[in-house]
Amino acid sequence: MTTEKLLADLGLTFTILRNNLYMDAIPFFMGKQVFETGEIVLPAGEGRASFLPREEMAEAAVNVLISKGNEGKPYNISNIYSYDYMEISVHFLIYPAKKFLIIRFR
């Protein structure tokens, strides 16, 4: 039984916010070794994800929750763009003394 169905069956008023992956969790996915070894080890292969900053998800949640007509509706909160880890690793270029190697496995 899904959460939405359970809430509806109980007669509760609800709005479901389905947040996608938080952008601030990216370092946890890469592992703590990333700055020591420069290796980004991923089980993602060529996969992509639509990360979004926590602050933007919070803003979306506030807008849904303060507006009318959202009762009983689910909202998928996600970025319209999906990133792969090659794109994300470019942001590590701010660490010029370190070279990063992406190791992909499935």
C-alpha atoms as a PDB file:
ATOM      1  CA  MET A   1       0.000   0.000   0.000  1.00  0.00           C
ATOM      2  CA  THR A   2       1.473   3.333  -1.011  1.00  0.00           C
ATOM      3  CA  THR A   3       1.730   6.198   1.431  1.00  0.00           C
ATOM      4  CA  GLU A   4      -0.666   8.299  -0.640  1.00  0.00           C
ATOM      5  CA  LYS A   5      -3.319   5.550  -0.622  1.00  0.00           C
ATOM      6  CA  LEU A   6      -2.920   4.968   3.093  1.00  0.00           C
ATOM      7  CA  LEU A   7      -3.368   8.674   3.842  1.00  0.00           C
ATOM      8  CA  ALA A   8      -6.415   8.875   1.561  1.00  0.00           C
ATOM      9  CA  ASP A   9      -7.947   5.745   3.110  1.00  0.00           C
ATOM     10  CA  LEU A  10      -7.526   7.309   6.555  1.00  0.00           C
ATOM     11  CA  GLY A  11      -9.410  10.395   5.360  1.00  0.00           C
ATOM     12  CA  LEU A  12      -6.498  12.702   6.121  1.00  0.00           C
ATOM     13  CA  THR A  13      -5.810  15.898   4.221  1.00  0.00           C
ATOM     14  CA  PHE A  14      -2.328  15.739   2.750  1.00  0.00           C
ATOM     15  CA  THR A  15       0.038  17.038   0.123  1.00  0.00           C
ATOM     16  CA  ILE A  16       2.980  14.815  -0.872  1.00  0.00           C
ATOM     17  CA  LEU A  17       6.319  16.390  -1.782  1.00  0.00           C
ATOM     18  CA  ARG A  18       8.639  13.938  -3.544  1.00  0.00           C
ATOM     19  CA  ASN A  19      12.077  15.520  -3.348  1.00  0.00           C
ATOM     20  CA  ASN A  20      14.750  14.290  -5.740  1.00  0.00           C
ATOM     21  CA  LEU A  21      18.407  13.980  -4.735  1.00  0.00           C
ATOM     22  CA  TYR A  22      19.852  16.828  -2.677  1.00  0.00           C
ATOM     23  CA  MET A  23      22.840  18.479  -4.328  1.00  0.00           C
ATOM     24  CA  ASP A  24      24.611  18.820  -0.987  1.00  0.00           C
ATOM     25  CA  ALA A  25      24.745  14.998  -0.751  1.00  0.00           C
ATOM     26  CA  ILE A  26      27.092  14.706  -3.751  1.00  0.00           C
ATOM     27  CA  PRO A  27      30.269  14.501  -1.596  1.00  0.00           C
ATOM     28  CA  PHE A  28      28.759  11.566   0.306  1.00  0.00           C
ATOM     29  CA  PHE A  29      28.169   9.700  -2.965  1.00  0.00           C
ATOM     30  CA  MET A  30      31.778  10.259  -4.042  1.00  0.00           C
ATOM     31  CA  GLY A  31      33.271   9.059  -0.777  1.00  0.00           C
ATOM     32  CA  LYS A  32      35.504  10.755   1.746  1.00  0.00           C
ATOM     33  CA  GLN A  33      38.620   9.602  -0.116  1.00  0.00           C
ATOM     34  CA  VAL A  34      37.929  11.988  -3.007  1.00  0.00           C
ATOM     35  CA  PHE A  35      40.135  14.811  -1.690  1.00  0.00           C
ATOM     36  CA  GLU A  36      42.871  12.471  -0.475  1.00  0.00           C
ATOM     37  CA  THR A  37      43.229  10.268  -3.543  1.00  0.00           C
ATOM     38  CA  GLY A  38      41.532  12.316  -6.244  1.00  0.00           C
ATOM     39  CA  GLU A  39      39.519   9.233  -7.166  1.00  0.00           C
ATOM     40  CA  ILE A  40      35.788   9.568  -7.627  1.00  0.00           C
ATOM     41  CA  VAL A  41      34.540   5.993  -7.384  1.00  0.00           C
ATOM     42  CA  LEU A  42      30.969   5.596  -8.540  1.00  0.00           C
ATOM     43  CA  PRO A  43      28.528   2.749  -9.003  1.00  0.00           C
ATOM     44  CA  ALA A  44      26.680   4.972 -11.491  1.00  0.00           C
ATOM     45  CA  GLY A  45      28.342   3.999 -14.761  1.00  0.00           C
ATOM     46  CA  GLU A  46      27.222   6.636 -17.240  1.00  0.00           C
ATOM     47  CA  GLY A  47      24.161   7.425 -15.132  1.00  0.00           C
ATOM     48  CA  ARG A  48      22.774  10.884 -14.570  1.00  0.00           C
ATOM     49  CA  ALA A  49      20.841  12.417 -11.690  1.00  0.00           C
ATOM     50  CA  SER A  50      18.746  15.540 -11.284  1.00  0.00           C
ATOM     51  CA  PHE A  51      20.352  16.976  -8.165  1.00  0.00           C
ATOM     52  CA  LEU A  52      18.847  20.131  -6.713  1.00  0.00           C
ATOM     53  CA  PRO A  53      20.040  22.396  -3.890  1.00  0.00           C
ATOM     54  CA  ARG A  54      18.164  21.873  -0.621  1.00  0.00           C
ATOM     55  CA  GLU A  55      17.290  25.579  -0.513  1.00  0.00           C
ATOM     56  CA  GLU A  56      15.477  25.378  -3.872  1.00  0.00           C
ATOM     57  CA  MET A  57      13.515  22.326  -2.746  1.00  0.00           C
ATOM     58  CA  ALA A  58      12.542  24.192   0.423  1.00  0.00           C
ATOM     59  CA  GLU A  59      11.357  27.162  -1.636  1.00  0.00           C
ATOM     60  CA  ALA A  60       9.237  24.865  -3.803  1.00  0.00           C
ATOM     61  CA  ALA A  61       7.767  23.230  -0.696  1.00  0.00           C
ATOM     62  CA  VAL A  62       6.836  26.591   0.806  1.00  0.00           C
ATOM     63  CA  ASN A  63       5.146  27.670  -2.436  1.00  0.00           C
ATOM     64  CA  VAL A  64       3.097  24.463  -2.556  1.00  0.00           C
ATOM     65  CA  LEU A  65       2.169  24.538   1.105  1.00  0.00           C
ATOM     66  CA  ILE A  66       1.050  28.199   1.223  1.00  0.00           C
ATOM     67  CA  SER A  67      -1.040  28.000  -1.936  1.00  0.00           C
ATOM     68  CA  LYS A  68      -4.554  26.609  -2.178  1.00  0.00           C
ATOM     69  CA  GLY A  69      -5.830  23.579  -4.061  1.00  0.00           C
ATOM     70  CA  ASN A  70      -2.941  21.191  -3.353  1.00  0.00           C
ATOM     71  CA  GLU A  71      -4.799  18.802  -1.072  1.00  0.00           C
ATOM     72  CA  GLY A  72      -4.426  15.165  -2.074  1.00  0.00           C
ATOM     73  CA  LYS A  73      -1.838  15.929  -4.747  1.00  0.00           C
ATOM     74  CA  PRO A  74       1.725  14.662  -5.072  1.00  0.00           C
ATOM     75  CA  TYR A  75       4.472  16.969  -6.373  1.00  0.00           C
ATOM     76  CA  ASN A  76       7.772  15.751  -7.802  1.00  0.00           C
ATOM     77  CA  ILE A  77      10.406  18.323  -6.889  1.00  0.00           C
ATOM     78  CA  SER A  78      13.369  17.926  -9.196  1.00  0.00           C
ATOM     79  CA  ASN A  79      15.807  19.749 -11.406  1.00  0.00           C
ATOM     80  CA  ILE A  80      14.951  19.947 -15.103  1.00  0.00           C
ATOM     81  CA  TYR A  81      18.596  19.136 -15.882  1.00  0.00           C
ATOM     82  CA  SER A  82      20.366  15.912 -14.997  1.00  0.00           C
ATOM     83  CA  TYR A  83      24.090  15.789 -14.263  1.00  0.00           C
ATOM     84  CA  ASP A  84      26.655  13.057 -14.721  1.00  0.00           C
ATOM     85  CA  TYR A  85      29.710  12.852 -12.512  1.00  0.00           C
ATOM     86  CA  MET A  86      32.036  14.089 -15.243  1.00  0.00           C
ATOM     87  CA  GLU A  87      30.126  17.373 -15.190  1.00  0.00           C
ATOM     88  CA  ILE A  88      30.168  17.445 -11.404  1.00  0.00           C
ATOM     89  CA  SER A  89      33.914  16.744 -11.234  1.00  0.00           C
ATOM     90  CA  VAL A  90      34.612  19.907 -13.269  1.00  0.00           C
ATOM     91  CA  HIS A  91      33.608  21.873 -10.184  1.00  0.00           C
ATOM     92  CA  PHE A  92      36.549  20.343  -8.353  1.00  0.00           C
ATOM     93  CA  LEU A  93      38.903  22.299 -10.609  1.00  0.00           C
ATOM     94  CA  ILE A  94      38.910  24.909  -7.847  1.00  0.00           C
ATOM     95  CA  TYR A  95      41.478  22.570  -6.257  1.00  0.00           C
ATOM     96  CA  PRO A  96      44.301  23.123  -8.777  1.00  0.00           C
ATOM     97  CA  ALA A  97      46.904  21.072  -6.930  1.00  0.00           C
ATOM     98  CA  LYS A  98      44.807  17.939  -7.178  1.00  0.00           C
ATOM     99  CA  LYS A  99      43.937  15.911 -10.267  1.00  0.00           C
ATOM    100  CA  PHE A 100      40.743  13.903 -10.152  1.00  0.00           C
ATOM    101  CA  LEU A 101      40.166  10.514 -11.734  1.00  0.00           C
ATOM    102  CA  ILE A 102      36.670   9.165 -12.229  1.00  0.00           C
ATOM    103  CA  ILE A 103      36.394   5.386 -11.825  1.00  0.00           C
ATOM    104  CA  ARG A 104      33.051   4.043 -13.037  1.00  0.00           C
ATOM    105  CA  PHE A 105      31.628   0.623 -12.392  1.00  0.00           C
ATOM    106  CA  ARG A 106      28.186  -0.890 -12.734  1.00  0.00           C
END
